[in-house]
Every structure is written in structure tokens, then in C-alpha cells.
Protein backbone atom coordinates (compact mmCIF):
# COMPACT_ATOMS: atom_id res chain seq x y z
CA MET A 1 16.27 -17.70 -5.35
CA TYR A 2 14.30 -17.72 -2.13
CA LEU A 3 11.38 -15.22 -2.15
CA LEU A 4 10.99 -13.08 0.97
CA ARG A 5 7.40 -12.84 2.17
CA VAL A 6 6.02 -9.34 2.76
CA LYS A 7 3.70 -9.27 5.77
CA ASN A 8 2.50 -5.63 5.66
CA ILE A 9 2.99 -2.43 3.67
CA TYR A 10 2.57 1.05 5.18
CA ASP A 11 2.50 4.40 3.35
CA VAL A 12 4.84 6.92 4.99
CA GLY A 13 4.32 9.71 2.44
CA ASN A 14 5.96 11.08 -0.72
CA ASP A 15 5.83 7.65 -2.43
CA TYR A 16 7.80 5.97 0.37
CA TYR A 17 6.50 2.70 1.79
CA ARG A 18 7.56 0.78 4.88
CA ILE A 19 7.42 -2.94 4.20
CA HIS A 20 7.46 -5.55 6.94
CA ILE A 21 9.25 -8.66 5.70
CA GLU A 22 8.22 -11.80 7.51
CA ASP A 23 11.25 -13.68 8.81
CA HIS A 24 9.68 -17.08 8.21
CA GLY A 25 12.19 -19.88 8.09
CA ILE A 26 14.87 -18.04 10.06
CA ASN A 27 14.00 -20.13 13.13
CA SER A 28 13.60 -23.32 11.13
CA HIS A 29 15.29 -26.49 12.32
CA ASN A 30 16.40 -27.04 8.73
CA ARG A 31 19.81 -25.44 8.29
CA GLU A 32 19.39 -25.07 4.52
CA VAL A 33 16.16 -23.08 4.95
CA ARG A 34 17.79 -20.77 7.51
CA GLN A 35 20.73 -20.20 5.21
CA SER A 36 18.44 -19.54 2.21
CA VAL A 37 16.54 -16.87 4.15
CA LYS A 38 19.75 -15.17 5.33
CA ASN A 39 21.18 -15.23 1.80
CA ALA A 40 17.97 -13.81 0.32
CA PHE A 41 17.96 -10.93 2.84
CA ALA A 42 21.63 -10.15 2.20
CA THR A 43 21.37 -10.40 -1.60
CA LEU A 44 18.32 -8.15 -1.79
CA ARG A 45 19.90 -5.60 0.57
CA LYS A 46 23.04 -5.43 -1.59
CA ALA A 47 21.04 -5.17 -4.82
CA ILE A 48 18.87 -2.34 -3.48
CA ASN A 49 21.87 -0.39 -2.22
CA ALA A 50 23.69 -0.81 -5.55
CA TYR A 51 20.58 0.24 -7.50
CA ARG A 52 20.01 3.43 -5.53
CA LEU A 53 23.61 4.56 -6.12
CA LEU A 54 23.29 4.50 -9.93
CA PRO A 55 23.69 8.03 -11.40
CA GLU A 56 20.15 8.17 -12.80
CA TYR A 57 18.66 7.40 -9.36
CA ALA A 58 21.15 9.12 -7.07
CA ALA A 59 18.99 12.27 -6.86
CA LEU A 60 15.99 10.25 -5.68
CA TYR A 61 17.88 8.16 -3.18
CA ARG A 62 20.54 10.48 -1.85
CA THR A 63 20.85 10.39 1.92
CA ASP A 64 17.12 10.57 2.53
CA GLU A 65 16.41 9.97 6.21
CA ARG A 66 13.32 7.94 5.35
CA TYR A 67 15.17 5.36 3.28
CA SER A 68 16.34 2.39 5.35
CA VAL A 69 16.99 -1.29 4.84
CA LYS A 70 17.43 -2.57 8.38
CA GLY A 71 16.02 -5.61 10.11
CA ASN A 72 12.59 -6.72 8.93
CA TYR A 73 11.18 -3.21 8.35
CA TRP A 74 12.43 -1.64 5.14
CA CYS A 75 11.45 1.84 4.03
CA LEU A 76 11.70 2.09 0.24
CA HIS A 77 10.61 4.48 -2.48
CA LYS A 78 7.80 3.15 -4.67
CA GLN A 79 10.17 2.97 -7.65
CA LEU A 80 12.56 0.69 -5.74
CA LEU A 81 9.70 -1.44 -4.49
CA LEU A 82 8.31 -1.93 -7.99
CA HIS A 83 11.77 -2.67 -9.39
CA PHE A 84 12.46 -5.41 -6.84
CA ALA A 85 8.91 -6.79 -6.59
CA THR A 86 9.94 -10.06 -8.25
CA TRP A 87 12.29 -10.76 -5.31
CA LEU A 88 9.40 -10.55 -2.85
CA GLU A 89 6.25 -12.56 -2.24
CA PHE A 90 3.02 -10.60 -1.66
CA SER A 91 -0.40 -11.67 -0.39
CA ALA A 92 -2.10 -9.73 -3.22
CA PRO A 93 -1.01 -7.78 -6.33
CA LEU A 94 1.51 -5.10 -5.34
CA GLU A 95 -0.50 -2.18 -6.79
CA THR A 96 -3.51 -3.26 -4.70
CA LEU A 97 -1.41 -3.41 -1.54
CA LEU A 98 0.09 0.03 -2.24
CA TRP A 99 -3.36 1.48 -2.84
CA GLU A 100 -4.67 -0.03 0.40
CA ALA A 101 -1.67 1.41 2.27
CA ARG A 102 -2.44 4.87 0.82
CA MET A 103 -6.10 4.51 1.84
CA ARG A 104 -5.14 3.55 5.41
CA ALA A 105 -2.77 6.53 5.59
CA GLU A 106 -5.48 8.82 4.18
CA GLN A 107 -7.94 7.45 6.74
CA GLN A 108 -5.54 8.17 9.59
CA TYR A 109 -4.80 11.63 8.20
CA SER A 110 -8.45 12.50 7.70
CA SER A 111 -9.34 11.55 11.26
CA PHE A 112 -7.45 14.69 12.29
CA GLN A 113 -9.20 16.88 9.71
CA GLU A 114 -12.59 18.51 9.81
CA PRO A 115 -15.29 15.99 8.85
CA TYR A 116 -16.36 17.70 5.61
CA GLN A 117 -12.94 18.24 4.05
CA VAL A 118 -11.24 15.57 1.95
CA SER A 119 -8.00 15.63 -0.05
CA ARG A 120 -7.92 15.31 -3.85
CA ALA A 121 -5.75 12.16 -3.57
CA GLY A 122 -8.34 10.55 -1.29
CA ILE A 123 -11.14 11.28 -3.77
CA ASP A 124 -9.10 9.94 -6.69
CA ASN A 125 -8.27 6.74 -4.80
CA ALA A 126 -11.88 6.23 -3.72
CA LEU A 127 -13.19 6.80 -7.26
CA ARG A 128 -10.62 4.32 -8.58
CA PHE A 129 -11.71 1.76 -5.96
CA PHE A 130 -15.33 2.15 -7.08
CA GLY A 131 -14.43 2.18 -10.77
CA LEU A 132 -16.03 5.60 -11.25
CA ASP A 133 -14.81 8.89 -12.71
CA HIS A 134 -15.24 12.50 -11.55
CA THR A 135 -18.51 12.89 -13.47
CA ALA A 136 -20.22 10.20 -11.36
CA THR A 137 -23.49 11.06 -9.64
CA GLN A 138 -24.77 9.96 -6.25
CA GLU A 139 -26.94 7.37 -8.01
CA ASP A 140 -23.86 5.89 -9.74
CA LEU A 141 -22.09 5.75 -6.39
CA LYS A 142 -25.08 4.10 -4.73
CA ARG A 143 -25.41 1.47 -7.48
CA GLN A 144 -21.71 0.64 -7.48
CA TYR A 145 -21.60 0.58 -3.66
CA ARG A 146 -24.39 -2.00 -3.50
CA GLN A 147 -22.59 -4.24 -6.00
CA LEU A 148 -19.30 -4.01 -4.12
CA VAL A 149 -20.98 -4.64 -0.75
CA LYS A 150 -22.34 -7.92 -2.12
CA ARG A 151 -18.85 -8.88 -3.28
CA TYR A 152 -16.80 -7.83 -0.22
CA HIS A 153 -19.14 -8.30 2.76
CA PRO A 154 -17.60 -10.79 5.22
CA ASP A 155 -20.95 -12.55 5.75
CA THR A 156 -21.01 -13.52 2.06
CA GLY A 157 -17.42 -14.80 2.05
CA GLY A 158 -15.78 -11.49 1.13
CA ASP A 159 -12.55 -10.01 2.42
CA GLU A 160 -13.02 -8.04 5.64
CA ALA A 161 -10.12 -5.66 4.94
CA LYS A 162 -11.51 -4.80 1.51
CA PHE A 163 -14.94 -4.30 3.06
CA LYS A 164 -13.51 -1.79 5.55
CA THR A 165 -11.74 -0.01 2.69
CA LEU A 166 -15.03 0.03 0.79
CA GLN A 167 -16.84 1.58 3.76
CA TYR A 168 -14.20 4.26 4.14
CA ALA A 169 -14.06 5.06 0.41
CA HIS A 170 -17.87 5.30 0.37
CA THR A 171 -17.82 7.73 3.31
CA LEU A 172 -15.19 9.87 1.55
CA LEU A 173 -17.18 10.04 -1.68
CA LYS A 174 -20.50 10.74 0.05
CA THR A 175 -18.90 13.56 2.04
CA TYR A 176 -17.27 14.99 -1.07
CA MET A 177 -20.46 14.82 -3.15
CA LYS A 178 -22.51 16.50 -0.43
CA SER A 179 -20.09 19.30 0.45
CA GLY A 180 -17.79 19.52 -2.58
CA SER A 181 -14.94 20.78 -0.39
CA LEU A 182 -11.37 19.57 -0.72
CA VAL A 183 -8.16 19.99 1.25
CA GLY A 184 -4.98 20.54 -0.77
């Protein structure tokens, strides 16, 4: 079966994710490639719709307005996404991409909040990114931050997106450790 390539994943809340499926090959001059892509889209759409109508999942996927499988942007519950992950091709492990999507959503959300208030989910995600637990001190954070900066800094061949995530997670944890205030 032809794997559909996922270009981006966005967190839209309540464990729903909008995935952008790249339509590579659809404009190919090779008729077989075009047909493979169309068949893969259609087969996956049918499988997802059949899955969400099963009695054990009907409560989760009733007529939720967020759920949609249209065009190249599909909005799916995390459970559906994990179930059909083998039908899709990702640029990184799926859990990593989902975590990064949650961090981006948290970053957008927190830009509207007061600067010294952070949500519990944001702290948990940032601690997980750093490999720390809730008993970590500022010294632990500092030590781990320096190690991760060496690994992810773009000037040393690291990934720029991960470096930005690192910077944001570090800011969240520093703010939390200084003020100790949480939202939610």
C-alpha cells in the first residue's frame, strides 16, 4: 500500500489533531503513481470512517464538529491517529510530532496569558522534554539545558525546530520555578 506523507500536525485541543497530508505524486506524469495516491486517500478515508462507527468508539466519534476527513487537512482524535499511523509516513516518530504540536499550541495559548502563569500541561510537557521530574531544582534545569543546547543548536548541526522548542520549554520552566504559579 502507498503511504501518505504527513507534512504538518497541529493540536486543536481535547486530543484532536489536524494533520496536513502532502499530496505528493498527485500531479505526477506517471499515471500509476497518481492512481496509487488517489487509492491510498480513498482507502484510508473509508477505513477511518468505518472505524469510528464501531460501537466501542461511537461515543468518542459521534457527530463531533471537529472531526473531518476532507481534502488534505484531516482533523482526527489522537486515538484514530495512533491506530492508523502505519498507513501514514511521518518525518519523525509520531509521539514526538504530537508533543511538538502540543507545545506549539501551548506557546500560542500562553502568549495571551499573563507572563508568570503557566498551565500544568505545559509544565509536564516541558519537564518531559528536559527529562526531569517535578522534584528538579534550578541547577538540574540549568545543567540539562546546557546539554540540550549543545545537541540542538543549529550552529552545531542541530534541528532548529527542536532548538526553538527547547528555548520555549526552558522559559516555561524558569517562569514556573521562579513564581510557582499555575493556570488550570
